[in-house]
Amino acid sequence: MIKKFTHLKNQIVLITFALTFSLITFSCDRFSQPDRTPTKEGWKEFTINENGDSLMTFFKKDGTKKSEVTFKNGFHDGVGYTYYDDGVVQYEIHYKEGYKDGETKWFYQSGKLYRTTQYKMGSKDGMQRKYYENGNLKSEVLYKDNEPQEGLREFKEDGTPYKIYPKIKFKEIDKLAFENKIILQVYLEPKGSKTKYYIIKNIDGEDHFISLSLQTKHGKANIEYSLAPGRSVMEKLQLRVVTQTKRGNPLVLHKTYNMAAENRFN
């Protein structure tokens, strides 16, 4: 009786081992065999790792790897890479729950670092730096909540800083005598590129930027005050101007203007 029980026990152990080995083999095949789908430029492959995360890889028609990124619970999560045709990494992007989060890197085709940008849940937040191919710093600008801040620094390839930048200028255009209005014109000198003007309003302790895009023409913003006879205006304007330098970086400028005018015409 004891011999029969021992024999039966051994059979159960062997069957359990065989089933376990089959499941492991199936799982390994599942993780290692990519799911290939055609694309316009070639194809993409999905593989699943032992943690249940998905890796999506894009290939060109010649078999060259174009990009790859990890998914977790259906979202980009982890490090993603984009490649040059020769296989050198072009971009290295960190994701968290579907958003860029952490340091993103952009490389020259030589493999040297070109740019780093700090992200926080999809928004630029922190310092963005650019480098020359020789490794010298090219520029740096701080971002907060996806908005560039004051303090841009730019350098020539030998390390010499650029010092000449546009400045905010004001001009009052008096049309009170015939049109009962006065215009405050805001512009940059020298003229910038892709310039945007904002009035800063502090609401409940927070600064809000009110765009003057509808009042901007030919790189100048016109703030119009309609004043009936006997009426006046007196206010302190806080202006924020964002323009693009010749090196393609955002330059942020702030300036205050005390606007005071009275229509004395009857």
Foldseek 3Di string as FASTA:
>chain_A
DVVVVVVVVVVVVVVVVVVVVVVVVVVVCQQPDWDWDADPQPIWTWGADPVRKIKIWDAGNVRATAKIFIGDPRATAAWIFGADRVRATAKIFHDDRRATAAKIWGADNVNATAKIFHDHRHATAAKIWGADSVGHTAKIFGDHRNHTDADIWGADNVRHTDDDDWDKDWDKDDPCQPQQKIKIKIAIVVHFAPKWKWWWDQDPNDTDTHTQVVQDDPRMGIDMDHHDAFGKDWDKTKMWMWGAHPVGDIHIDIDIDTDIDHRNHD
